[in-house]
Protein backbone atom coordinates (compact mmCIF):
# COMPACT_ATOMS: atom_id res chain seq x y z
CA UNK A 1 -3.59 -4.85 -1.46
CA UNK A 2 -6.30 -7.08 -3.00
CA UNK A 3 -6.71 -8.99 -6.20
CA UNK A 4 -8.60 -6.83 -8.41
CA UNK A 5 -10.78 -10.00 -9.66
CA UNK A 6 -12.14 -10.57 -6.23
CA UNK A 7 -14.87 -8.53 -4.60
CA UNK A 8 -13.66 -7.26 -1.52
CA UNK A 9 -15.54 -8.36 1.63
CA UNK A 10 -15.39 -6.73 5.06
CA UNK A 11 -12.55 -8.35 6.91
CA UNK A 12 -11.56 -7.11 10.52
CA UNK A 13 -12.35 -7.33 14.01
CA UNK A 14 -15.52 -5.26 14.53
CA UNK A 15 -19.32 -5.89 13.89
CA UNK A 16 -20.04 -3.68 11.10
CA UNK A 17 -23.71 -4.03 11.31
CA UNK A 18 -24.65 -0.57 12.45
CA UNK A 19 -22.09 1.34 10.29
CA UNK A 20 -23.30 4.01 7.88
CA UNK A 21 -22.98 2.88 4.12
CA UNK A 22 -23.27 4.32 0.90
CA UNK A 23 -25.50 2.85 -1.81
CA UNK A 24 -22.39 1.15 -3.03
CA UNK A 25 -21.79 -0.72 0.44
CA UNK A 26 -18.78 1.61 1.28
CA UNK A 27 -18.43 2.44 5.01
CA UNK A 28 -18.48 6.03 6.09
CA UNK A 29 -16.79 7.04 9.39
CA UNK A 30 -17.08 10.06 11.26
CA UNK A 31 -14.54 12.72 11.45
CA UNK A 32 -14.32 11.96 15.23
CA UNK A 33 -12.61 8.55 14.08
CA UNK A 34 -9.82 10.00 12.19
CA UNK A 35 -7.64 10.32 14.97
CA UNK A 36 -7.69 6.74 15.82
CA UNK A 37 -6.45 6.29 11.95
CA UNK A 38 -3.77 8.68 12.38
CA UNK A 39 -2.26 6.98 15.39
CA UNK A 40 -2.23 3.78 13.69
CA UNK A 41 -1.01 5.21 10.38
CA UNK A 42 1.84 7.01 12.32
CA UNK A 43 2.92 3.87 13.93
CA UNK A 44 3.10 1.99 10.65
CA UNK A 45 5.18 4.93 9.00
CA UNK A 46 7.44 5.39 11.99
CA UNK A 47 8.12 1.63 11.67
CA UNK A 48 9.04 1.97 8.16
CA UNK A 49 11.17 4.89 9.06
CA UNK A 50 13.22 2.90 11.65
CA UNK A 51 13.55 0.06 9.12
CA UNK A 52 15.36 2.35 6.64
CA UNK A 53 18.98 1.66 8.08
CA UNK A 54 18.44 -2.18 7.87
CA UNK A 55 18.16 -2.20 4.05
CA UNK A 56 21.79 -2.83 3.02
CA UNK A 57 23.42 -5.35 0.72
CA UNK A 58 23.96 -8.56 2.62
CA UNK A 59 21.12 -8.23 4.68
CA UNK A 60 18.21 -10.80 4.72
CA UNK A 61 14.42 -9.95 4.51
CA UNK A 62 13.75 -12.22 7.13
CA UNK A 63 16.04 -10.21 9.31
CA UNK A 64 14.11 -7.02 8.18
CA UNK A 65 10.90 -8.92 8.94
CA UNK A 66 12.04 -9.91 12.50
CA UNK A 67 12.80 -6.25 13.18
CA UNK A 68 9.44 -4.91 12.13
CA UNK A 69 7.82 -7.63 14.37
CA UNK A 70 9.83 -6.72 17.24
CA UNK A 71 8.91 -3.04 16.70
CA UNK A 72 5.24 -3.62 16.77
CA UNK A 73 5.48 -5.71 19.87
CA UNK A 74 7.51 -2.88 21.62
CA UNK A 75 4.91 -0.36 20.58
CA UNK A 76 2.02 -2.54 22.20
CA UNK A 77 0.27 -2.96 18.99
CA UNK A 78 -0.69 -5.80 16.64
CA UNK A 79 0.58 -6.99 13.59
CA UNK A 80 -2.44 -7.41 11.18
CA UNK A 81 -0.77 -9.88 8.78
CA UNK A 82 0.67 -12.52 11.15
CA UNK A 83 -2.06 -15.03 11.08
CA UNK A 84 -4.01 -13.56 8.27
CA UNK A 85 -5.18 -16.38 5.99
CA UNK A 86 -2.04 -18.43 7.13
CA UNK A 87 0.58 -15.84 6.61
CA UNK A 88 3.38 -15.98 9.17
CA UNK A 89 4.98 -12.56 8.92
CA UNK A 90 4.89 -8.81 9.95
CA UNK A 91 5.61 -7.64 6.45
CA UNK A 92 5.57 -8.27 2.84
CA UNK A 93 8.65 -7.50 1.49
CA UNK A 94 8.65 -7.43 -2.52
CA UNK A 95 12.28 -7.44 -4.20
CA UNK A 96 12.93 -6.33 -8.07
CA UNK A 97 10.49 -8.11 -10.11
CA UNK A 98 8.16 -9.15 -7.32
CA UNK A 99 5.00 -6.96 -7.52
CA UNK A 100 3.36 -7.63 -4.14
CA UNK A 101 3.08 -10.06 -1.46
CA UNK A 102 6.81 -11.10 -1.35
CA UNK A 103 7.63 -13.42 1.39
CA UNK A 104 10.50 -12.64 3.62
CA UNK A 105 13.38 -15.06 3.69
CA UNK A 106 16.98 -15.84 4.24
CA UNK A 107 17.95 -14.71 0.76
CA UNK A 108 20.36 -11.89 1.18
CA UNK A 109 19.88 -8.35 -0.76
CA UNK A 110 22.31 -7.34 -3.32
CA UNK A 111 23.71 -4.06 -4.18
CA UNK A 112 21.16 -2.34 -6.23
CA UNK A 113 18.14 -4.34 -5.25
CA UNK A 114 14.87 -2.34 -4.81
CA UNK A 115 12.31 -3.48 -2.38
CA UNK A 116 8.89 -2.49 -1.21
CA UNK A 117 8.22 -3.04 2.46
CA UNK A 118 4.37 -3.42 3.25
CA UNK A 119 3.30 -2.92 6.99
CA UNK A 120 -0.07 -3.23 8.68
CA UNK A 121 -0.70 -2.67 12.21
CA UNK A 122 -3.65 -2.45 14.62
CA UNK A 123 -3.60 0.19 17.34
CA UNK A 124 -6.78 0.40 19.61
CA UNK A 125 -8.74 -1.38 16.85
CA UNK A 126 -7.78 0.93 14.09
CA UNK A 127 -5.75 -0.51 10.94
CA UNK A 128 -2.68 1.37 9.92
CA UNK A 129 -1.47 0.13 6.43
CA UNK A 130 1.44 1.75 4.39
CA UNK A 131 4.20 0.56 2.14
CA UNK A 132 7.22 2.45 0.45
CA UNK A 133 10.31 1.49 -1.53
CA UNK A 134 13.81 1.12 -0.62
CA UNK A 135 17.15 0.43 -2.22
CA UNK A 136 19.85 -1.74 -0.99
CA UNK A 137 23.06 0.03 -2.15
CA UNK A 138 23.11 2.18 -5.24
CA UNK A 139 20.05 2.17 -7.61
CA UNK A 140 20.36 1.84 -11.43
CA UNK A 141 19.18 4.80 -13.44
CA UNK A 142 16.09 2.72 -14.74
CA UNK A 143 15.28 1.45 -11.24
CA UNK A 144 15.45 5.16 -9.93
CA UNK A 145 13.07 6.49 -12.84
CA UNK A 146 10.66 3.66 -12.03
CA UNK A 147 10.62 4.62 -8.12
CA UNK A 148 9.88 8.07 -9.00
CA UNK A 149 7.30 7.65 -11.27
CA UNK A 150 5.52 5.23 -8.89
CA UNK A 151 5.97 7.53 -6.19
CA UNK A 152 4.60 10.56 -8.22
CA UNK A 153 1.61 8.37 -9.57
CA UNK A 154 0.53 7.96 -5.92
CA UNK A 155 0.32 11.40 -5.26
CA UNK A 156 -1.38 12.04 -8.63
CA UNK A 157 -4.14 9.78 -7.15
CA UNK A 158 -4.08 11.52 -3.94
CA UNK A 159 -4.90 14.71 -5.32
CA UNK A 160 -8.15 13.39 -7.26
CA UNK A 161 -9.38 12.63 -3.72
CA UNK A 162 -12.31 15.12 -2.83
CA UNK A 163 -16.28 14.62 -2.13
CA UNK A 164 -18.01 14.35 -5.62
CA UNK A 165 -15.08 12.86 -7.32
CA UNK A 166 -15.20 9.23 -8.45
CA UNK A 167 -12.76 6.14 -7.91
CA UNK A 168 -12.33 6.21 -11.66
CA UNK A 169 -11.04 9.75 -11.26
CA UNK A 170 -8.17 8.31 -9.01
CA UNK A 171 -7.49 5.52 -11.56
CA UNK A 172 -7.28 7.69 -14.31
CA UNK A 173 -4.85 10.20 -12.77
CA UNK A 174 -2.77 7.37 -11.85
CA UNK A 175 -2.88 5.38 -15.19
CA UNK A 176 -2.73 8.60 -17.59
CA UNK A 177 0.57 9.70 -15.72
CA UNK A 178 2.24 6.20 -15.63
CA UNK A 179 1.41 5.51 -19.23
CA UNK A 180 2.53 8.65 -20.29
CA UNK A 181 6.08 7.74 -18.99
CA UNK A 182 6.10 4.61 -20.89
CA UNK A 183 5.51 2.30 -18.14
CA UNK A 184 2.41 0.15 -17.08
CA UNK A 185 -0.01 -0.01 -14.16
CA UNK A 186 -0.71 -3.48 -12.60
CA UNK A 187 -4.25 -4.21 -12.96
CA UNK A 188 -4.58 -7.52 -10.87
CA UNK A 189 -4.17 -5.93 -7.62
CA UNK A 190 -6.04 -2.91 -6.10
CA UNK A 191 -6.28 -0.82 -3.03
CA UNK A 192 -9.12 -1.33 -0.53
CA UNK A 193 -11.48 0.24 2.19
CA UNK A 194 -9.74 0.32 5.71
CA UNK A 195 -10.73 1.69 9.13
CA UNK A 196 -11.59 -0.81 11.98
CA UNK A 197 -11.22 -3.37 9.55
CA UNK A 198 -8.34 -4.76 7.33
CA UNK A 199 -10.09 -5.16 3.97
CA UNK A 200 -13.54 -3.67 3.00
CA UNK A 201 -15.15 -2.19 0.13
CA UNK A 202 -14.41 -0.54 -2.41
CA UNK A 203 -11.86 -1.92 -4.58
CA UNK A 204 -9.54 1.08 -5.46
CA UNK A 205 -8.49 0.52 -9.07
CA UNK A 206 -5.14 2.21 -9.97
CA UNK A 207 -6.70 2.66 -13.66
CA UNK A 208 -9.95 3.78 -14.95
CA UNK A 209 -11.94 6.42 -16.60
CA UNK A 210 -12.96 9.58 -15.22
CA UNK A 211 -16.46 9.84 -13.70
CA UNK A 212 -16.89 6.20 -13.49
CA UNK A 213 -17.10 4.17 -10.28
CA UNK A 214 -18.52 5.24 -7.08
CA UNK A 215 -18.44 8.58 -5.82
CA UNK A 216 -16.43 9.68 -3.23
CA UNK A 217 -17.88 11.01 0.07
CA UNK A 218 -16.73 12.22 3.33
CA UNK A 219 -15.89 9.89 5.89
CA UNK A 220 -14.47 7.14 3.41
CA UNK A 221 -11.16 5.52 4.32
CA UNK A 222 -9.25 3.72 1.76
CA UNK A 223 -5.52 2.72 0.77
CA UNK A 224 -4.28 3.87 -2.73
CA UNK A 225 -1.22 1.77 -3.70
CA UNK A 226 -0.38 1.69 -7.24
CA UNK A 227 1.96 -1.19 -8.73
CA UNK A 228 4.01 0.07 -11.82
CA UNK A 229 6.06 -2.14 -13.96
CA UNK A 230 8.84 -1.23 -16.20
CA UNK A 231 7.62 -3.49 -18.71
CA UNK A 232 4.31 -5.07 -19.30
CA UNK A 233 1.40 -5.14 -16.60
CA UNK A 234 0.77 -8.72 -16.56
CA UNK A 235 1.59 -10.75 -13.34
CA UNK A 236 1.54 -14.26 -11.95
CA UNK A 237 1.30 -15.61 -8.36
CA UNK A 238 3.95 -18.18 -7.72
CA UNK A 239 3.13 -21.81 -6.10
CA UNK A 240 3.35 -20.48 -2.63
CA UNK A 241 -0.03 -18.64 -3.37
CA UNK A 242 1.29 -15.31 -2.06
CA UNK A 243 4.13 -14.09 -4.07
CA UNK A 244 3.09 -11.98 -7.28
CA UNK A 245 5.71 -11.30 -10.10
CA UNK A 246 5.85 -9.66 -13.39
CA UNK A 247 5.26 -12.14 -16.09
CA UNK A 248 8.06 -10.50 -18.34
CA UNK A 249 10.44 -10.24 -15.35
CA UNK A 250 10.75 -6.48 -15.43
CA UNK A 251 11.30 -4.28 -12.49
CA UNK A 252 8.18 -3.45 -10.26
CA UNK A 253 7.65 -0.79 -7.66
CA UNK A 254 4.78 0.37 -5.19
CA UNK A 255 3.97 3.05 -2.89
CA UNK A 256 1.04 2.98 -0.44
CA UNK A 257 -0.96 5.71 1.75
CA UNK A 258 -4.07 5.13 3.72
CA UNK A 259 -6.25 8.01 3.05
CA UNK A 260 -9.41 9.52 4.80
CA UNK A 261 -11.76 11.88 2.72
CA UNK A 262 -12.59 15.15 4.30
CA UNK A 263 -15.28 17.80 3.66
CA UNK A 264 -13.05 19.36 1.12
CA UNK A 265 -10.33 17.03 0.42
CA UNK A 266 -8.40 14.32 2.15
CA UNK A 267 -5.99 13.41 5.03
CA UNK A 268 -3.12 11.26 4.83
CA UNK A 269 -2.81 9.13 7.79
CA UNK A 270 0.66 7.20 6.99
CA UNK A 271 2.93 10.36 6.21
CA UNK A 272 6.47 9.33 7.29
CA UNK A 273 7.34 11.46 10.63
CA UNK A 274 11.03 11.50 9.58
CA UNK A 275 10.37 12.48 5.81
CA UNK A 276 11.71 9.08 4.61
CA UNK A 277 8.87 8.06 2.38
CA UNK A 278 10.89 8.19 -0.62
CA UNK A 279 14.03 5.98 -0.88
CA UNK A 280 16.36 9.11 -1.31
CA UNK A 281 14.46 10.58 1.70
CA UNK A 282 12.77 13.26 -0.46
């Protein structure tokens, strides 16, 4: 995810000078590019499937991160986050009131902790970016409801993806649903363009007004990754310059998929092969 207050610049490993761009500077890929995104997205999703048994009370997030790094290496892929702006880990792991960009550490998980694990891999030059929620032990009722609302909000946003709709339609679908559940959408961070680059236009906001923002066109590739708080939406970034937490210390949750716009709708590149995208494996 990206800070909403920043203008996303294309960041990746290829020259984008000959790319087809919309008037808003958003790259349009060919349908022949989608298999590459499916391969990268599938690997990222498979890794998150395999991580699930490691999320237990007493486990450290550093151990989970090391397991992910090993899986990426075994697959012959590359971690997009190791070395990115000085970051040293293959995952971001955000526990309880950490909204995003949580740094793996030797701190152990406790019974009832909820956590988001975010992984981005590079396969043959394509970036697969996805995250999902897990629970160590048994979730509390309020955490369970937060996780479910966040999961459902993501899919309401995805359902708004089709040519002719706008990015404001996506944001409105997410925001109206979440606020109807008396929770709040984080506004400080957003989704982003993806493909043969890690971050690119547009900013994919998880709130908005219908009919506003750039129009969706076939060939766009981007992430949708709403962050939802039980309390207020405000966040703050800690002294490490990475970890973002809720200002009121309320619980936060997030789910993320990488999406491609097709002629009549969308394709999800990061579906869980084992059906473990939801922490209860629904």
